[in-house]
């Protein structure tokens, strides 16, 4: 029957991946 809502779908611009190897940290966009 479908969904009575606004579906928010994240695309390009939200799929980046940043690495801080020294600190052991990985930051990723929601769409990665």
ModelCIF file with pLDDT and N, C-alpha, C, O atoms, coordinates in Angstrom:
data_MODEL
#
_entry.id   MODEL 
#
_entity.id                         1 
_entity.type                       polymer 
_entity.pdbx_number_of_molecules   1 
#
_entity_poly.entity_id                      1 
_entity_poly.type                           'polypeptide(L)' 
_entity_poly.nstd_linkage                   no 
_entity_poly.nstd_monomer                   no 
_entity_poly.pdbx_seq_one_letter_code       
;(UNK)(UNK)(UNK)(UNK)(UNK)(UNK)(UNK)(UNK)(UNK)(UNK)(UNK)(UNK)(UNK)(UNK)(UNK)(UNK)
(UNK)(UNK)(UNK)(UNK)(UNK)(UNK)(UNK)(UNK)(UNK)(UNK)(UNK)(UNK)(UNK)(UNK)(UNK)(UNK)
;
_entity_poly.pdbx_seq_one_letter_code_can   XXXXXXXXXXXXXXXXXXXXXXXXXXXXXXXX 
_entity_poly.pdbx_strand_id                 A 
#
loop_
_entity_poly_seq.entity_id 
_entity_poly_seq.num 
_entity_poly_seq.mon_id 
_entity_poly_seq.hetero 
1 1  UNK n 
1 2  UNK n 
1 3  UNK n 
1 4  UNK n 
1 5  UNK n 
1 6  UNK n 
1 7  UNK n 
1 8  UNK n 
1 9  UNK n 
1 10 UNK n 
1 11 UNK n 
1 12 UNK n 
1 13 UNK n 
1 14 UNK n 
1 15 UNK n 
1 16 UNK n 
1 17 UNK n 
1 18 UNK n 
1 19 UNK n 
1 20 UNK n 
1 21 UNK n 
1 22 UNK n 
1 23 UNK n 
1 24 UNK n 
1 25 UNK n 
1 26 UNK n 
1 27 UNK n 
1 28 UNK n 
1 29 UNK n 
1 30 UNK n 
1 31 UNK n 
1 32 UNK n 
#
_struct_asym.id          A 
_struct_asym.entity_id   1 
#
loop_
_ma_qa_metric.id 
_ma_qa_metric.mode 
_ma_qa_metric.name 
_ma_qa_metric.software_group_id 
_ma_qa_metric.type 
1 global pLDDT . pLDDT 
2 local  pLDDT . pLDDT 
#
_ma_qa_metric_global.metric_id      1 
_ma_qa_metric_global.metric_value   96.53 
_ma_qa_metric_global.model_id       1 
_ma_qa_metric_global.ordinal_id     1 
#
loop_
_ma_qa_metric_local.label_asym_id 
_ma_qa_metric_local.label_comp_id 
_ma_qa_metric_local.label_seq_id 
_ma_qa_metric_local.metric_id 
_ma_qa_metric_local.metric_value 
_ma_qa_metric_local.model_id 
_ma_qa_metric_local.ordinal_id 
A UNK 1  2 98.00 1 1  
A UNK 2  2 98.00 1 2  
A UNK 3  2 97.00 1 3  
A UNK 4  2 97.00 1 4  
A UNK 5  2 97.00 1 5  
A UNK 6  2 98.00 1 6  
A UNK 7  2 98.00 1 7  
A UNK 8  2 98.00 1 8  
A UNK 9  2 97.00 1 9  
A UNK 10 2 95.00 1 10 
A UNK 11 2 89.00 1 11 
A UNK 12 2 86.00 1 12 
A UNK 13 2 90.00 1 13 
A UNK 14 2 97.00 1 14 
A UNK 15 2 96.00 1 15 
A UNK 16 2 97.00 1 16 
A UNK 17 2 98.00 1 17 
A UNK 18 2 98.00 1 18 
A UNK 19 2 98.00 1 19 
A UNK 20 2 98.00 1 20 
A UNK 21 2 96.00 1 21 
A UNK 22 2 96.00 1 22 
A UNK 23 2 97.00 1 23 
A UNK 24 2 98.00 1 24 
A UNK 25 2 98.00 1 25 
A UNK 26 2 98.00 1 26 
A UNK 27 2 98.00 1 27 
A UNK 28 2 98.00 1 28 
A UNK 29 2 98.00 1 29 
A UNK 30 2 97.00 1 30 
A UNK 31 2 97.00 1 31 
A UNK 32 2 98.00 1 32 
#
loop_
_atom_site.group_PDB 
_atom_site.id 
_atom_site.type_symbol 
_atom_site.label_atom_id 
_atom_site.label_alt_id 
_atom_site.label_comp_id 
_atom_site.label_asym_id 
_atom_site.label_entity_id 
_atom_site.label_seq_id 
_atom_site.pdbx_PDB_ins_code 
_atom_site.Cartn_x 
_atom_site.Cartn_y 
_atom_site.Cartn_z 
_atom_site.occupancy 
_atom_site.B_iso_or_equiv 
_atom_site.pdbx_formal_charge 
_atom_site.auth_seq_id 
_atom_site.auth_comp_id 
_atom_site.auth_asym_id 
_atom_site.auth_atom_id 
_atom_site.pdbx_PDB_model_num 
ATOM 1   N N  . UNK A 1 1  ? 0.799  -1.219 0.000  1.00 98.00 ? 1  UNK A N  1 
ATOM 2   C CA . UNK A 1 1  ? 0.000  0.000  0.000  1.00 98.00 ? 1  UNK A CA 1 
ATOM 3   C C  . UNK A 1 1  ? 0.831  1.267  0.000  1.00 98.00 ? 1  UNK A C  1 
ATOM 4   O O  . UNK A 1 1  ? 0.282  2.364  -0.107 1.00 98.00 ? 1  UNK A O  1 
ATOM 5   N N  . UNK A 1 2  ? 2.138  1.138  0.117  1.00 98.00 ? 2  UNK A N  1 
ATOM 6   C CA . UNK A 1 2  ? 3.010  2.307  0.086  1.00 98.00 ? 2  UNK A CA 1 
ATOM 7   C C  . UNK A 1 2  ? 3.208  2.941  1.443  1.00 98.00 ? 2  UNK A C  1 
ATOM 8   O O  . UNK A 1 2  ? 2.785  2.403  2.466  1.00 98.00 ? 2  UNK A O  1 
ATOM 9   N N  . UNK A 1 3  ? 3.856  4.093  1.438  1.00 97.00 ? 3  UNK A N  1 
ATOM 10  C CA . UNK A 1 3  ? 4.303  4.737  2.674  1.00 97.00 ? 3  UNK A CA 1 
ATOM 11  C C  . UNK A 1 3  ? 3.809  6.170  2.723  1.00 97.00 ? 3  UNK A C  1 
ATOM 12  O O  . UNK A 1 3  ? 4.077  6.960  1.818  1.00 97.00 ? 3  UNK A O  1 
ATOM 13  N N  . UNK A 1 4  ? 3.090  6.502  3.780  1.00 97.00 ? 4  UNK A N  1 
ATOM 14  C CA . UNK A 1 4  ? 2.577  7.862  3.958  1.00 97.00 ? 4  UNK A CA 1 
ATOM 15  C C  . UNK A 1 4  ? 3.640  8.704  4.659  1.00 97.00 ? 4  UNK A C  1 
ATOM 16  O O  . UNK A 1 4  ? 3.550  8.982  5.855  1.00 97.00 ? 4  UNK A O  1 
ATOM 17  N N  . UNK A 1 5  ? 4.632  9.093  3.895  1.00 97.00 ? 5  UNK A N  1 
ATOM 18  C CA . UNK A 1 5  ? 5.763  9.843  4.440  1.00 97.00 ? 5  UNK A CA 1 
ATOM 19  C C  . UNK A 1 5  ? 6.570  10.426 3.294  1.00 97.00 ? 5  UNK A C  1 
ATOM 20  O O  . UNK A 1 5  ? 6.410  10.055 2.132  1.00 97.00 ? 5  UNK A O  1 
ATOM 21  N N  . UNK A 1 6  ? 7.447  11.359 3.667  1.00 98.00 ? 6  UNK A N  1 
ATOM 22  C CA . UNK A 1 6  ? 8.496  11.796 2.754  1.00 98.00 ? 6  UNK A CA 1 
ATOM 23  C C  . UNK A 1 6  ? 9.702  10.895 3.007  1.00 98.00 ? 6  UNK A C  1 
ATOM 24  O O  . UNK A 1 6  ? 10.248 10.873 4.110  1.00 98.00 ? 6  UNK A O  1 
ATOM 25  N N  . UNK A 1 7  ? 10.104 10.166 1.997  1.00 98.00 ? 7  UNK A N  1 
ATOM 26  C CA . UNK A 1 7  ? 11.284 9.333  2.096  1.00 98.00 ? 7  UNK A CA 1 
ATOM 27  C C  . UNK A 1 7  ? 12.497 10.169 1.701  1.00 98.00 ? 7  UNK A C  1 
ATOM 28  O O  . UNK A 1 7  ? 12.532 10.750 0.616  1.00 98.00 ? 7  UNK A O  1 
ATOM 29  N N  . UNK A 1 8  ? 13.480 10.227 2.579  1.00 98.00 ? 8  UNK A N  1 
ATOM 30  C CA . UNK A 1 8  ? 14.711 10.967 2.301  1.00 98.00 ? 8  UNK A CA 1 
ATOM 31  C C  . UNK A 1 8  ? 15.789 9.961  1.935  1.00 98.00 ? 8  UNK A C  1 
ATOM 32  O O  . UNK A 1 8  ? 16.151 9.101  2.738  1.00 98.00 ? 8  UNK A O  1 
ATOM 33  N N  . UNK A 1 9  ? 16.293 10.077 0.725  1.00 97.00 ? 9  UNK A N  1 
ATOM 34  C CA . UNK A 1 9  ? 17.331 9.155  0.254  1.00 97.00 ? 9  UNK A CA 1 
ATOM 35  C C  . UNK A 1 9  ? 18.577 9.952  -0.093 1.00 97.00 ? 9  UNK A C  1 
ATOM 36  O O  . UNK A 1 9  ? 18.542 10.856 -0.928 1.00 97.00 ? 9  UNK A O  1 
ATOM 37  N N  . UNK A 1 10 ? 19.655 9.610  0.546  1.00 95.00 ? 10 UNK A N  1 
ATOM 38  C CA . UNK A 1 10 ? 20.898 10.348 0.386  1.00 95.00 ? 10 UNK A CA 1 
ATOM 39  C C  . UNK A 1 10 ? 21.708 9.761  -0.759 1.00 95.00 ? 10 UNK A C  1 
ATOM 40  O O  . UNK A 1 10 ? 21.846 8.543  -0.875 1.00 95.00 ? 10 UNK A O  1 
ATOM 41  N N  . UNK A 1 11 ? 22.239 10.633 -1.599 1.00 89.00 ? 11 UNK A N  1 
ATOM 42  C CA . UNK A 1 11 ? 22.999 10.174 -2.754 1.00 89.00 ? 11 UNK A CA 1 
ATOM 43  C C  . UNK A 1 11 ? 24.407 10.724 -2.754 1.00 89.00 ? 11 UNK A C  1 
ATOM 44  O O  . UNK A 1 11 ? 25.046 10.836 -1.707 1.00 89.00 ? 11 UNK A O  1 
ATOM 45  N N  . UNK A 1 12 ? 24.885 11.067 -3.941 1.00 86.00 ? 12 UNK A N  1 
ATOM 46  C CA . UNK A 1 12 ? 26.230 11.615 -4.063 1.00 86.00 ? 12 UNK A CA 1 
ATOM 47  C C  . UNK A 1 12 ? 26.344 12.888 -3.230 1.00 86.00 ? 12 UNK A C  1 
ATOM 48  O O  . UNK A 1 12 ? 25.404 13.677 -3.128 1.00 86.00 ? 12 UNK A O  1 
ATOM 49  N N  . UNK A 1 13 ? 27.496 13.059 -2.651 1.00 90.00 ? 13 UNK A N  1 
ATOM 50  C CA . UNK A 1 13 ? 27.696 14.167 -1.731 1.00 90.00 ? 13 UNK A CA 1 
ATOM 51  C C  . UNK A 1 13 ? 27.588 13.703 -0.290 1.00 90.00 ? 13 UNK A C  1 
ATOM 52  O O  . UNK A 1 13 ? 28.028 14.392 0.631  1.00 90.00 ? 13 UNK A O  1 
ATOM 53  N N  . UNK A 1 14 ? 26.995 12.523 -0.101 1.00 97.00 ? 14 UNK A N  1 
ATOM 54  C CA . UNK A 1 14 ? 26.877 11.959 1.245  1.00 97.00 ? 14 UNK A CA 1 
ATOM 55  C C  . UNK A 1 14 ? 27.558 10.596 1.325  1.00 97.00 ? 14 UNK A C  1 
ATOM 56  O O  . UNK A 1 14 ? 27.273 9.810  2.228  1.00 97.00 ? 14 UNK A O  1 
ATOM 57  N N  . UNK A 1 15 ? 28.453 10.316 0.386  1.00 96.00 ? 15 UNK A N  1 
ATOM 58  C CA . UNK A 1 15 ? 29.100 9.001  0.363  1.00 96.00 ? 15 UNK A CA 1 
ATOM 59  C C  . UNK A 1 15 ? 30.620 9.073  0.482  1.00 96.00 ? 15 UNK A C  1 
ATOM 60  O O  . UNK A 1 15 ? 31.317 8.115  0.149  1.00 96.00 ? 15 UNK A O  1 
ATOM 61  N N  . UNK A 1 16 ? 31.133 10.207 0.958  1.00 97.00 ? 16 UNK A N  1 
ATOM 62  C CA . UNK A 1 16 ? 32.574 10.362 1.111  1.00 97.00 ? 16 UNK A CA 1 
ATOM 63  C C  . UNK A 1 16 ? 33.125 9.532  2.266  1.00 97.00 ? 16 UNK A C  1 
ATOM 64  O O  . UNK A 1 16 ? 32.410 9.209  3.214  1.00 97.00 ? 16 UNK A O  1 
ATOM 65  N N  . UNK A 1 17 ? 34.407 9.194  2.169  1.00 98.00 ? 17 UNK A N  1 
ATOM 66  C CA . UNK A 1 17 ? 35.097 8.440  3.216  1.00 98.00 ? 17 UNK A CA 1 
ATOM 67  C C  . UNK A 1 17 ? 36.416 9.137  3.514  1.00 98.00 ? 17 UNK A C  1 
ATOM 68  O O  . UNK A 1 17 ? 37.251 9.294  2.624  1.00 98.00 ? 17 UNK A O  1 
ATOM 69  N N  . UNK A 1 18 ? 36.607 9.553  4.753  1.00 98.00 ? 18 UNK A N  1 
ATOM 70  C CA . UNK A 1 18 ? 37.840 10.232 5.152  1.00 98.00 ? 18 UNK A CA 1 
ATOM 71  C C  . UNK A 1 18 ? 38.579 9.379  6.183  1.00 98.00 ? 18 UNK A C  1 
ATOM 72  O O  . UNK A 1 18 ? 37.977 8.848  7.117  1.00 98.00 ? 18 UNK A O  1 
ATOM 73  N N  . UNK A 1 19 ? 39.891 9.259  5.997  1.00 98.00 ? 19 UNK A N  1 
ATOM 74  C CA . UNK A 1 19 ? 40.711 8.414  6.854  1.00 98.00 ? 19 UNK A CA 1 
ATOM 75  C C  . UNK A 1 19 ? 41.753 9.255  7.584  1.00 98.00 ? 19 UNK A C  1 
ATOM 76  O O  . UNK A 1 19 ? 42.467 10.047 6.969  1.00 98.00 ? 19 UNK A O  1 
ATOM 77  N N  . UNK A 1 20 ? 41.831 9.076  8.888  1.00 98.00 ? 20 UNK A N  1 
ATOM 78  C CA . UNK A 1 20 ? 42.927 9.609  9.682  1.00 98.00 ? 20 UNK A CA 1 
ATOM 79  C C  . UNK A 1 20 ? 43.676 8.399  10.237 1.00 98.00 ? 20 UNK A C  1 
ATOM 80  O O  . UNK A 1 20 ? 43.396 7.924  11.338 1.00 98.00 ? 20 UNK A O  1 
ATOM 81  N N  . UNK A 1 21 ? 44.636 7.913  9.447  1.00 96.00 ? 21 UNK A N  1 
ATOM 82  C CA . UNK A 1 21 ? 45.323 6.671  9.798  1.00 96.00 ? 21 UNK A CA 1 
ATOM 83  C C  . UNK A 1 21 ? 46.079 6.789  11.109 1.00 96.00 ? 21 UNK A C  1 
ATOM 84  O O  . UNK A 1 21 ? 46.135 5.838  11.888 1.00 96.00 ? 21 UNK A O  1 
ATOM 85  N N  . UNK A 1 22 ? 46.663 7.957  11.354 1.00 96.00 ? 22 UNK A N  1 
ATOM 86  C CA . UNK A 1 22 ? 47.450 8.138  12.572 1.00 96.00 ? 22 UNK A CA 1 
ATOM 87  C C  . UNK A 1 22 ? 46.579 7.998  13.818 1.00 96.00 ? 22 UNK A C  1 
ATOM 88  O O  . UNK A 1 22 ? 46.977 7.379  14.804 1.00 96.00 ? 22 UNK A O  1 
ATOM 89  N N  . UNK A 1 23 ? 45.390 8.580  13.755 1.00 97.00 ? 23 UNK A N  1 
ATOM 90  C CA . UNK A 1 23 ? 44.471 8.522  14.904 1.00 97.00 ? 23 UNK A CA 1 
ATOM 91  C C  . UNK A 1 23 ? 43.614 7.257  14.893 1.00 97.00 ? 23 UNK A C  1 
ATOM 92  O O  . UNK A 1 23 ? 42.930 6.967  15.874 1.00 97.00 ? 23 UNK A O  1 
ATOM 93  N N  . UNK A 1 24 ? 43.646 6.503  13.791 1.00 98.00 ? 24 UNK A N  1 
ATOM 94  C CA . UNK A 1 24 ? 42.811 5.309  13.684 1.00 98.00 ? 24 UNK A CA 1 
ATOM 95  C C  . UNK A 1 24 ? 41.341 5.637  13.529 1.00 98.00 ? 24 UNK A C  1 
ATOM 96  O O  . UNK A 1 24 ? 40.478 4.882  13.978 1.00 98.00 ? 24 UNK A O  1 
ATOM 97  N N  . UNK A 1 25 ? 41.053 6.776  12.888 1.00 98.00 ? 25 UNK A N  1 
ATOM 98  C CA . UNK A 1 25 ? 39.667 7.219  12.735 1.00 98.00 ? 25 UNK A CA 1 
ATOM 99  C C  . UNK A 1 25 ? 39.221 7.131  11.267 1.00 98.00 ? 25 UNK A C  1 
ATOM 100 O O  . UNK A 1 25 ? 39.980 7.451  10.352 1.00 98.00 ? 25 UNK A O  1 
ATOM 101 N N  . UNK A 1 26 ? 37.983 6.692  11.071 1.00 98.00 ? 26 UNK A N  1 
ATOM 102 C CA . UNK A 1 26 ? 37.365 6.641  9.745  1.00 98.00 ? 26 UNK A CA 1 
ATOM 103 C C  . UNK A 1 26 ? 36.027 7.360  9.835  1.00 98.00 ? 26 UNK A C  1 
ATOM 104 O O  . UNK A 1 26 ? 35.173 7.005  10.647 1.00 98.00 ? 26 UNK A O  1 
ATOM 105 N N  . UNK A 1 27 ? 35.853 8.375  8.993  1.00 98.00 ? 27 UNK A N  1 
ATOM 106 C CA . UNK A 1 27 ? 34.582 9.107  8.937  1.00 98.00 ? 27 UNK A CA 1 
ATOM 107 C C  . UNK A 1 27 ? 33.947 8.857  7.572  1.00 98.00 ? 27 UNK A C  1 
ATOM 108 O O  . UNK A 1 27 ? 34.558 9.111  6.533  1.00 98.00 ? 27 UNK A O  1 
ATOM 109 N N  . UNK A 1 28 ? 32.710 8.356  7.590  1.00 98.00 ? 28 UNK A N  1 
ATOM 110 C CA . UNK A 1 28 ? 32.041 7.982  6.345  1.00 98.00 ? 28 UNK A CA 1 
ATOM 111 C C  . UNK A 1 28 ? 30.685 8.652  6.248  1.00 98.00 ? 28 UNK A C  1 
ATOM 112 O O  . UNK A 1 28 ? 29.960 8.764  7.236  1.00 98.00 ? 28 UNK A O  1 
ATOM 113 N N  . UNK A 1 29 ? 30.351 9.094  5.045  1.00 98.00 ? 29 UNK A N  1 
ATOM 114 C CA . UNK A 1 29 ? 29.027 9.636  4.795  1.00 98.00 ? 29 UNK A CA 1 
ATOM 115 C C  . UNK A 1 29 ? 27.975 8.555  4.883  1.00 98.00 ? 29 UNK A C  1 
ATOM 116 O O  . UNK A 1 29 ? 28.267 7.371  4.714  1.00 98.00 ? 29 UNK A O  1 
ATOM 117 N N  . UNK A 1 30 ? 26.756 8.967  5.148  1.00 97.00 ? 30 UNK A N  1 
ATOM 118 C CA . UNK A 1 30 ? 25.662 8.035  5.384  1.00 97.00 ? 30 UNK A CA 1 
ATOM 119 C C  . UNK A 1 30 ? 25.414 7.121  4.190  1.00 97.00 ? 30 UNK A C  1 
ATOM 120 O O  . UNK A 1 30 ? 24.951 5.994  4.360  1.00 97.00 ? 30 UNK A O  1 
ATOM 121 N N  . UNK A 1 31 ? 25.721 7.600  2.974  1.00 97.00 ? 31 UNK A N  1 
ATOM 122 C CA . UNK A 1 31 ? 25.457 6.808  1.771  1.00 97.00 ? 31 UNK A CA 1 
ATOM 123 C C  . UNK A 1 31 ? 26.646 5.963  1.343  1.00 97.00 ? 31 UNK A C  1 
ATOM 124 O O  . UNK A 1 31 ? 26.560 5.243  0.348  1.00 97.00 ? 31 UNK A O  1 
ATOM 125 N N  . UNK A 1 32 ? 27.756 6.033  2.073  1.00 98.00 ? 32 UNK A N  1 
ATOM 126 C CA . UNK A 1 32 ? 28.910 5.195  1.745  1.00 98.00 ? 32 UNK A CA 1 
ATOM 127 C C  . UNK A 1 32 ? 28.566 3.737  2.015  1.00 98.00 ? 32 UNK A C  1 
ATOM 128 O O  . UNK A 1 32 ? 29.401 2.857  1.805  1.00 98.00 ? 32 UNK A O  1 
#
